[in-house]
Amino acid sequence: MAATVRILGIDPGSRVTGFGVIDVRGRDHFYVASGCIKTPADAPLADRIAVIVRHIGEVVAVYKPQQAAVEQVFVNVNPAST
């Protein structure tokens, strides 16, 4: 029997960061969890990043993924609007 690998996927965003956790065993994929981390739009960027880091840390502590994938970050033409 193939070993199970737990993977955390992250869709980064400064206002909403999404995450998903799956288990992969051989060719089979199993949903474990998913969610969104929402930050206050009026908060300074550093504060929003701190919220995201704290919550991703909690997700890692709870689900203990062996691997992670992060979607490439997109920056708007006007980075101040991020």
PDB file of N, CA and C in Angstrom:
ATOM      1  N   MET A   1       0.838  -1.180   0.000  1.00  0.00           N
ATOM      2  CA  MET A   1       0.000   0.000   0.000  1.00  0.00           C
ATOM      3  C   MET A   1       0.886   1.247   0.000  1.00  0.00           C
ATOM      4  N   ALA A   2       0.499   2.249  -0.794  1.00  0.00           N
ATOM      5  CA  ALA A   2       1.268   3.487  -0.902  1.00  0.00           C
ATOM      6  C   ALA A   2       1.129   4.324   0.367  1.00  0.00           C
ATOM      7  N   ALA A   3       2.197   5.037   0.681  1.00  0.00           N
ATOM      8  CA  ALA A   3       2.172   5.933   1.844  1.00  0.00           C
ATOM      9  C   ALA A   3       1.288   7.141   1.546  1.00  0.00           C
ATOM     10  N   THR A   4       0.711   7.696   2.580  1.00  0.00           N
ATOM     11  CA  THR A   4      -0.111   8.893   2.444  1.00  0.00           C
ATOM     12  C   THR A   4       0.756  10.129   2.650  1.00  0.00           C
ATOM     13  N   VAL A   5       0.620  11.089   1.743  1.00  0.00           N
ATOM     14  CA  VAL A   5       1.327  12.361   1.847  1.00  0.00           C
ATOM     15  C   VAL A   5       0.285  13.460   2.029  1.00  0.00           C
ATOM     16  N   ARG A   6       0.453  14.270   3.043  1.00  0.00           N
ATOM     17  CA  ARG A   6      -0.460  15.391   3.293  1.00  0.00           C
ATOM     18  C   ARG A   6       0.151  16.657   2.688  1.00  0.00           C
ATOM     19  N   ILE A   7      -0.650  17.359   1.894  1.00  0.00           N
ATOM     20  CA  ILE A   7      -0.181  18.545   1.179  1.00  0.00           C
ATOM     21  C   ILE A   7      -1.038  19.750   1.553  1.00  0.00           C
ATOM     22  N   LEU A   8      -0.371  20.854   1.828  1.00  0.00           N
ATOM     23  CA  LEU A   8      -1.028  22.132   2.086  1.00  0.00           C
ATOM     24  C   LEU A   8      -0.838  23.012   0.862  1.00  0.00           C
ATOM     25  N   GLY A   9      -1.926  23.502   0.305  1.00  0.00           N
ATOM     26  CA  GLY A   9      -1.870  24.454  -0.797  1.00  0.00           C
ATOM     27  C   GLY A   9      -2.298  25.820  -0.302  1.00  0.00           C
ATOM     28  N   ILE A  10      -1.578  26.853  -0.731  1.00  0.00           N
ATOM     29  CA  ILE A  10      -1.879  28.214  -0.284  1.00  0.00           C
ATOM     30  C   ILE A  10      -2.060  29.114  -1.495  1.00  0.00           C
ATOM     31  N   ASP A  11      -3.164  29.873  -1.494  1.00  0.00           N
ATOM     32  CA  ASP A  11      -3.443  30.892  -2.509  1.00  0.00           C
ATOM     33  C   ASP A  11      -3.289  32.239  -1.809  1.00  0.00           C
ATOM     34  N   PRO A  12      -2.103  32.864  -1.929  1.00  0.00           N
ATOM     35  CA  PRO A  12      -1.833  34.055  -1.136  1.00  0.00           C
ATOM     36  C   PRO A  12      -2.579  35.291  -1.620  1.00  0.00           C
ATOM     37  N   GLY A  13      -2.925  36.122  -0.674  1.00  0.00           N
ATOM     38  CA  GLY A  13      -3.531  37.415  -0.957  1.00  0.00           C
ATOM     39  C   GLY A  13      -3.442  38.252   0.299  1.00  0.00           C
ATOM     40  N   SER A  14      -3.262  39.547   0.151  1.00  0.00           N
ATOM     41  CA  SER A  14      -3.098  40.384   1.344  1.00  0.00           C
ATOM     42  C   SER A  14      -4.420  40.640   2.060  1.00  0.00           C
ATOM     43  N   ARG A  15      -5.533  40.488   1.333  1.00  0.00           N
ATOM     44  CA  ARG A  15      -6.846  40.673   1.976  1.00  0.00           C
ATOM     45  C   ARG A  15      -7.523  39.343   2.276  1.00  0.00           C
ATOM     46  N   VAL A  16      -7.388  38.392   1.351  1.00  0.00           N
ATOM     47  CA  VAL A  16      -7.937  37.046   1.565  1.00  0.00           C
ATOM     48  C   VAL A  16      -6.892  36.044   1.093  1.00  0.00           C
ATOM     49  N   THR A  17      -6.485  35.158   1.983  1.00  0.00           N
ATOM     50  CA  THR A  17      -5.568  34.069   1.649  1.00  0.00           C
ATOM     51  C   THR A  17      -6.341  32.770   1.791  1.00  0.00           C
ATOM     52  N   GLY A  18      -6.339  31.980   0.732  1.00  0.00           N
ATOM     53  CA  GLY A  18      -7.029  30.700   0.784  1.00  0.00           C
ATOM     54  C   GLY A  18      -6.050  29.571   1.054  1.00  0.00           C
ATOM     55  N   PHE A  19      -6.565  28.500   1.643  1.00  0.00           N
ATOM     56  CA  PHE A  19      -5.723  27.324   1.854  1.00  0.00           C
ATOM     57  C   PHE A  19      -6.561  26.066   1.673  1.00  0.00           C
ATOM     58  N   GLY A  20      -5.890  24.998   1.306  1.00  0.00           N
ATOM     59  CA  GLY A  20      -6.530  23.698   1.195  1.00  0.00           C
ATOM     60  C   GLY A  20      -5.557  22.625   1.624  1.00  0.00           C
ATOM     61  N   VAL A  21      -6.080  21.588   2.222  1.00  0.00           N
ATOM     62  CA  VAL A  21      -5.258  20.466   2.675  1.00  0.00           C
ATOM     63  C   VAL A  21      -5.843  19.201   2.074  1.00  0.00           C
ATOM     64  N   ILE A  22      -4.983  18.417   1.433  1.00  0.00           N
ATOM     65  CA  ILE A  22      -5.415  17.131   0.882  1.00  0.00           C
ATOM     66  C   ILE A  22      -4.436  16.044   1.310  1.00  0.00           C
ATOM     67  N   ASP A  23      -4.927  14.815   1.298  1.00  0.00           N
ATOM     68  CA  ASP A  23      -4.075  13.644   1.458  1.00  0.00           C
ATOM     69  C   ASP A  23      -3.984  12.959   0.105  1.00  0.00           C
ATOM     70  N   VAL A  24      -2.780  12.528  -0.265  1.00  0.00           N
ATOM     71  CA  VAL A  24      -2.565  11.811  -1.520  1.00  0.00           C
ATOM     72  C   VAL A  24      -2.008  10.438  -1.179  1.00  0.00           C
ATOM     73  N   ARG A  25      -2.683   9.413  -1.675  1.00  0.00           N
ATOM     74  CA  ARG A  25      -2.236   8.035  -1.476  1.00  0.00           C
ATOM     75  C   ARG A  25      -2.250   7.373  -2.845  1.00  0.00           C
ATOM     76  N   GLY A  26      -1.054   7.140  -3.379  1.00  0.00           N
ATOM     77  CA  GLY A  26      -0.976   6.594  -4.732  1.00  0.00           C
ATOM     78  C   GLY A  26      -1.584   7.586  -5.713  1.00  0.00           C
ATOM     79  N   ARG A  27      -2.610   7.121  -6.444  1.00  0.00           N
ATOM     80  CA  ARG A  27      -3.297   7.998  -7.400  1.00  0.00           C
ATOM     81  C   ARG A  27      -4.575   8.598  -6.819  1.00  0.00           C
ATOM     82  N   ASP A  28      -4.854   8.332  -5.562  1.00  0.00           N
ATOM     83  CA  ASP A  28      -6.081   8.820  -4.927  1.00  0.00           C
ATOM     84  C   ASP A  28      -5.816  10.102  -4.140  1.00  0.00           C
ATOM     85  N   HIS A  29      -6.773  11.021  -4.221  1.00  0.00           N
ATOM     86  CA  HIS A  29      -6.691  12.304  -3.524  1.00  0.00           C
ATOM     87  C   HIS A  29      -7.896  12.437  -2.602  1.00  0.00           C
ATOM     88  N   PHE A  30      -7.658  12.867  -1.366  1.00  0.00           N
ATOM     89  CA  PHE A  30      -8.719  12.969  -0.374  1.00  0.00           C
ATOM     90  C   PHE A  30      -8.733  14.365   0.240  1.00  0.00           C
ATOM     91  N   TYR A  31      -9.908  14.983   0.226  1.00  0.00           N
ATOM     92  CA  TYR A  31     -10.084  16.296   0.840  1.00  0.00           C
ATOM     93  C   TYR A  31      -9.936  16.172   2.355  1.00  0.00           C
ATOM     94  N   VAL A  32      -9.189  17.094   2.951  1.00  0.00           N
ATOM     95  CA  VAL A  32      -9.028  17.136   4.403  1.00  0.00           C
ATOM     96  C   VAL A  32      -9.652  18.413   4.970  1.00  0.00           C
ATOM     97  N   ALA A  33      -9.274  19.557   4.434  1.00  0.00           N
ATOM     98  CA  ALA A  33      -9.781  20.826   4.967  1.00  0.00           C
ATOM     99  C   ALA A  33      -9.499  21.949   3.983  1.00  0.00           C
ATOM    100  N   SER A  34     -10.217  23.047   4.145  1.00  0.00           N
ATOM    101  CA  SER A  34      -9.944  24.253   3.368  1.00  0.00           C
ATOM    102  C   SER A  34     -10.527  25.446   4.106  1.00  0.00           C
ATOM    103  N   GLY A  35     -10.079  26.615   3.736  1.00  0.00           N
ATOM    104  CA  GLY A  35     -10.615  27.809   4.373  1.00  0.00           C
ATOM    105  C   GLY A  35      -9.995  29.072   3.824  1.00  0.00           C
ATOM    106  N   CYS A  36     -10.439  30.182   4.368  1.00  0.00           N
ATOM    107  CA  CYS A  36      -9.941  31.502   3.986  1.00  0.00           C
ATOM    108  C   CYS A  36      -9.488  32.249   5.229  1.00  0.00           C
ATOM    109  N   ILE A  37      -8.431  32.982   5.068  1.00  0.00           N
ATOM    110  CA  ILE A  37      -7.940  33.862   6.117  1.00  0.00           C
ATOM    111  C   ILE A  37      -8.207  35.278   5.623  1.00  0.00           C
ATOM    112  N   LYS A  38      -9.113  35.975   6.291  1.00  0.00           N
ATOM    113  CA  LYS A  38      -9.480  37.332   5.879  1.00  0.00           C
ATOM    114  C   LYS A  38      -8.813  38.340   6.801  1.00  0.00           C
ATOM    115  N   THR A  39      -8.280  39.387   6.189  1.00  0.00           N
ATOM    116  CA  THR A  39      -7.636  40.445   6.959  1.00  0.00           C
ATOM    117  C   THR A  39      -8.379  41.760   6.727  1.00  0.00           C
ATOM    118  N   PRO A  40      -8.330  42.666   7.694  1.00  0.00           N
ATOM    119  CA  PRO A  40      -9.013  43.953   7.530  1.00  0.00           C
ATOM    120  C   PRO A  40      -8.360  44.773   6.411  1.00  0.00           C
ATOM    121  N   ALA A  41      -9.152  45.206   5.443  1.00  0.00           N
ATOM    122  CA  ALA A  41      -8.630  45.959   4.301  1.00  0.00           C
ATOM    123  C   ALA A  41      -7.988  47.274   4.723  1.00  0.00           C
ATOM    124  N   ASP A  42      -8.425  47.832   5.843  1.00  0.00           N
ATOM    125  CA  ASP A  42      -7.893  49.128   6.273  1.00  0.00           C
ATOM    126  C   ASP A  42      -6.664  48.996   7.176  1.00  0.00           C
ATOM    127  N   ALA A  43      -6.253  47.771   7.477  1.00  0.00           N
ATOM    128  CA  ALA A  43      -5.077  47.563   8.333  1.00  0.00           C
ATOM    129  C   ALA A  43      -3.803  47.751   7.508  1.00  0.00           C
ATOM    130  N   PRO A  44      -2.723  48.200   8.133  1.00  0.00           N
ATOM    131  CA  PRO A  44      -1.445  48.296   7.421  1.00  0.00           C
ATOM    132  C   PRO A  44      -1.021  46.913   6.906  1.00  0.00           C
ATOM    133  N   LEU A  45      -0.294  46.913   5.793  1.00  0.00           N
ATOM    134  CA  LEU A  45       0.124  45.654   5.170  1.00  0.00           C
ATOM    135  C   LEU A  45       0.872  44.758   6.156  1.00  0.00           C
ATOM    136  N   ALA A  46       1.749  45.329   6.965  1.00  0.00           N
ATOM    137  CA  ALA A  46       2.511  44.521   7.933  1.00  0.00           C
ATOM    138  C   ALA A  46       1.581  43.809   8.913  1.00  0.00           C
ATOM    139  N   ASP A  47       0.516  44.473   9.331  1.00  0.00           N
ATOM    140  CA  ASP A  47      -0.444  43.849  10.247  1.00  0.00           C
ATOM    141  C   ASP A  47      -1.212  42.733   9.557  1.00  0.00           C
ATOM    142  N   ARG A  48      -1.576  42.934   8.286  1.00  0.00           N
ATOM    143  CA  ARG A  48      -2.289  41.891   7.544  1.00  0.00           C
ATOM    144  C   ARG A  48      -1.398  40.667   7.355  1.00  0.00           C
ATOM    145  N   ILE A  49      -0.123  40.906   7.049  1.00  0.00           N
ATOM    146  CA  ILE A  49       0.806  39.784   6.880  1.00  0.00           C
ATOM    147  C   ILE A  49       0.966  39.030   8.199  1.00  0.00           C
ATOM    148  N   ALA A  50       1.015  39.742   9.307  1.00  0.00           N
ATOM    149  CA  ALA A  50       1.132  39.084  10.619  1.00  0.00           C
ATOM    150  C   ALA A  50      -0.067  38.179  10.886  1.00  0.00           C
ATOM    151  N   VAL A  51      -1.266  38.620  10.525  1.00  0.00           N
ATOM    152  CA  VAL A  51      -2.473  37.797  10.695  1.00  0.00           C
ATOM    153  C   VAL A  51      -2.363  36.531   9.848  1.00  0.00           C
ATOM    154  N   ILE A  52      -1.935  36.692   8.600  1.00  0.00           N
ATOM    155  CA  ILE A  52      -1.810  35.545   7.694  1.00  0.00           C
ATOM    156  C   ILE A  52      -0.790  34.545   8.235  1.00  0.00           C
ATOM    157  N   VAL A  53       0.362  35.034   8.659  1.00  0.00           N
ATOM    158  CA  VAL A  53       1.416  34.151   9.185  1.00  0.00           C
ATOM    159  C   VAL A  53       0.912  33.388  10.408  1.00  0.00           C
ATOM    160  N   ARG A  54       0.225  34.077  11.306  1.00  0.00           N
ATOM    161  CA  ARG A  54      -0.289  33.415  12.514  1.00  0.00           C
ATOM    162  C   ARG A  54      -1.276  32.304  12.153  1.00  0.00           C
ATOM    163  N   HIS A  55      -2.204  32.598  11.253  1.00  0.00           N
ATOM    164  CA  HIS A  55      -3.215  31.603  10.900  1.00  0.00           C
ATOM    165  C   HIS A  55      -2.632  30.433  10.096  1.00  0.00           C
ATOM    166  N   ILE A  56      -1.706  30.709   9.192  1.00  0.00           N
ATOM    167  CA  ILE A  56      -1.060  29.608   8.464  1.00  0.00           C
ATOM    168  C   ILE A  56      -0.287  28.733   9.445  1.00  0.00           C
ATOM    169  N   GLY A  57       0.344  29.337  10.436  1.00  0.00           N
ATOM    170  CA  GLY A  57       1.023  28.563  11.480  1.00  0.00           C
ATOM    171  C   GLY A  57       0.069  27.646  12.213  1.00  0.00           C
ATOM    172  N   GLU A  58      -1.139  28.141  12.489  1.00  0.00           N
ATOM    173  CA  GLU A  58      -2.149  27.311  13.148  1.00  0.00           C
ATOM    174  C   GLU A  58      -2.582  26.160  12.244  1.00  0.00           C
ATOM    175  N   VAL A  59      -2.753  26.435  10.954  1.00  0.00           N
ATOM    176  CA  VAL A  59      -3.137  25.380  10.001  1.00  0.00           C
ATOM    177  C   VAL A  59      -2.055  24.301   9.959  1.00  0.00           C
ATOM    178  N   VAL A  60      -0.799  24.714   9.895  1.00  0.00           N
ATOM    179  CA  VAL A  60       0.312  23.753   9.870  1.00  0.00           C
ATOM    180  C   VAL A  60       0.343  22.939  11.163  1.00  0.00           C
ATOM    181  N   ALA A  61       0.136  23.580  12.296  1.00  0.00           N
ATOM    182  CA  ALA A  61       0.156  22.870  13.582  1.00  0.00           C
ATOM    183  C   ALA A  61      -0.967  21.844  13.681  1.00  0.00           C
ATOM    184  N   VAL A  62      -2.139  22.183  13.165  1.00  0.00           N
ATOM    185  CA  VAL A  62      -3.290  21.279  13.255  1.00  0.00           C
ATOM    186  C   VAL A  62      -3.175  20.128  12.258  1.00  0.00           C
ATOM    187  N   TYR A  63      -2.849  20.425  10.997  1.00  0.00           N
ATOM    188  CA  TYR A  63      -2.915  19.403   9.940  1.00  0.00           C
ATOM    189  C   TYR A  63      -1.580  18.740   9.626  1.00  0.00           C
ATOM    190  N   LYS A  64      -0.472  19.315  10.059  1.00  0.00           N
ATOM    191  CA  LYS A  64       0.857  18.719   9.926  1.00  0.00           C
ATOM    192  C   LYS A  64       1.168  18.225   8.502  1.00  0.00           C
ATOM    193  N   PRO A  65       1.143  19.131   7.517  1.00  0.00           N
ATOM    194  CA  PRO A  65       1.445  18.704   6.147  1.00  0.00           C
ATOM    195  C   PRO A  65       2.919  18.333   5.985  1.00  0.00           C
ATOM    196  N   GLN A  66       3.174  17.368   5.086  1.00  0.00           N
ATOM    197  CA  GLN A  66       4.553  17.009   4.762  1.00  0.00           C
ATOM    198  C   GLN A  66       5.090  17.838   3.600  1.00  0.00           C
ATOM    199  N   GLN A  67       4.179  18.366   2.773  1.00  0.00           N
ATOM    200  CA  GLN A  67       4.572  19.173   1.625  1.00  0.00           C
ATOM    201  C   GLN A  67       3.649  20.379   1.540  1.00  0.00           C
ATOM    202  N   ALA A  68       4.123  21.409   0.850  1.00  0.00           N
ATOM    203  CA  ALA A  68       3.293  22.598   0.646  1.00  0.00           C
ATOM    204  C   ALA A  68       3.526  23.137  -0.755  1.00  0.00           C
ATOM    205  N   ALA A  69       2.491  23.764  -1.295  1.00  0.00           N
ATOM    206  CA  ALA A  69       2.576  24.431  -2.590  1.00  0.00           C
ATOM    207  C   ALA A  69       1.943  25.804  -2.428  1.00  0.00           C
ATOM    208  N   VAL A  70       2.621  26.816  -2.954  1.00  0.00           N
ATOM    209  CA  VAL A  70       2.119  28.185  -2.856  1.00  0.00           C
ATOM    210  C   VAL A  70       1.961  28.732  -4.264  1.00  0.00           C
ATOM    211  N   GLU A  71       0.751  29.238  -4.562  1.00  0.00           N
ATOM    212  CA  GLU A  71       0.517  29.847  -5.863  1.00  0.00           C
ATOM    213  C   GLU A  71       1.400  31.083  -5.993  1.00  0.00           C
ATOM    214  N   GLN A  72       1.883  31.321  -7.202  1.00  0.00           N
ATOM    215  CA  GLN A  72       2.735  32.481  -7.433  1.00  0.00           C
ATOM    216  C   GLN A  72       1.979  33.760  -7.087  1.00  0.00           C
ATOM    217  N   VAL A  73       2.653  34.653  -6.394  1.00  0.00           N
ATOM    218  CA  VAL A  73       2.037  35.907  -5.972  1.00  0.00           C
ATOM    219  C   VAL A  73       1.922  36.843  -7.166  1.00  0.00           C
ATOM    220  N   PHE A  74       0.756  37.471  -7.284  1.00  0.00           N
ATOM    221  CA  PHE A  74       0.506  38.449  -8.340  1.00  0.00           C
ATOM    222  C   PHE A  74       0.487  39.826  -7.710  1.00  0.00           C
ATOM    223  N   VAL A  75       1.223  40.757  -8.300  1.00  0.00           N
ATOM    224  CA  VAL A  75       1.234  42.133  -7.804  1.00  0.00           C
ATOM    225  C   VAL A  75       0.551  43.013  -8.836  1.00  0.00           C
ATOM    226  N   ASN A  76      -0.421  43.794  -8.390  1.00  0.00           N
ATOM    227  CA  ASN A  76      -1.132  44.711  -9.278  1.00  0.00           C
ATOM    228  C   ASN A  76      -0.187  45.751  -9.856  1.00  0.00           C
ATOM    229  N   VAL A  77      -0.645  46.426 -10.900  1.00  0.00           N
ATOM    230  CA  VAL A  77       0.124  47.525 -11.476  1.00  0.00           C
ATOM    231  C   VAL A  77       0.398  48.574 -10.405  1.00  0.00           C
ATOM    232  N   ASN A  78      -0.565  48.761  -9.508  1.00  0.00           N
ATOM    233  CA  ASN A  78      -0.405  49.709  -8.403  1.00  0.00           C
ATOM    234  C   ASN A  78      -0.243  48.913  -7.112  1.00  0.00           C
ATOM    235  N   PRO A  79       0.997  48.627  -6.685  1.00  0.00           N
ATOM    236  CA  PRO A  79       1.199  47.819  -5.475  1.00  0.00           C
ATOM    237  C   PRO A  79       0.537  48.406  -4.237  1.00  0.00           C
ATOM    238  N   ALA A  80       0.294  49.714  -4.216  1.00  0.00           N
ATOM    239  CA  ALA A  80      -0.349  50.327  -3.052  1.00  0.00           C
ATOM    240  C   ALA A  80      -1.769  49.829  -2.869  1.00  0.00           C
ATOM    241  N   SER A  81      -2.397  49.323  -3.927  1.00  0.00           N
ATOM    242  CA  SER A  81      -3.773  48.828  -3.816  1.00  0.00           C
ATOM    243  C   SER A  81      -3.831  47.386  -3.354  1.00  0.00           C
ATOM    244  N   THR A  82      -2.700  46.763  -3.140  1.00  0.00           N
ATOM    245  CA  THR A  82      -2.656  45.371  -2.721  1.00  0.00           C
ATOM    246  C   THR A  82      -3.201  45.210  -1.326  1.00  0.00           C
TER     247      THR A  82
END
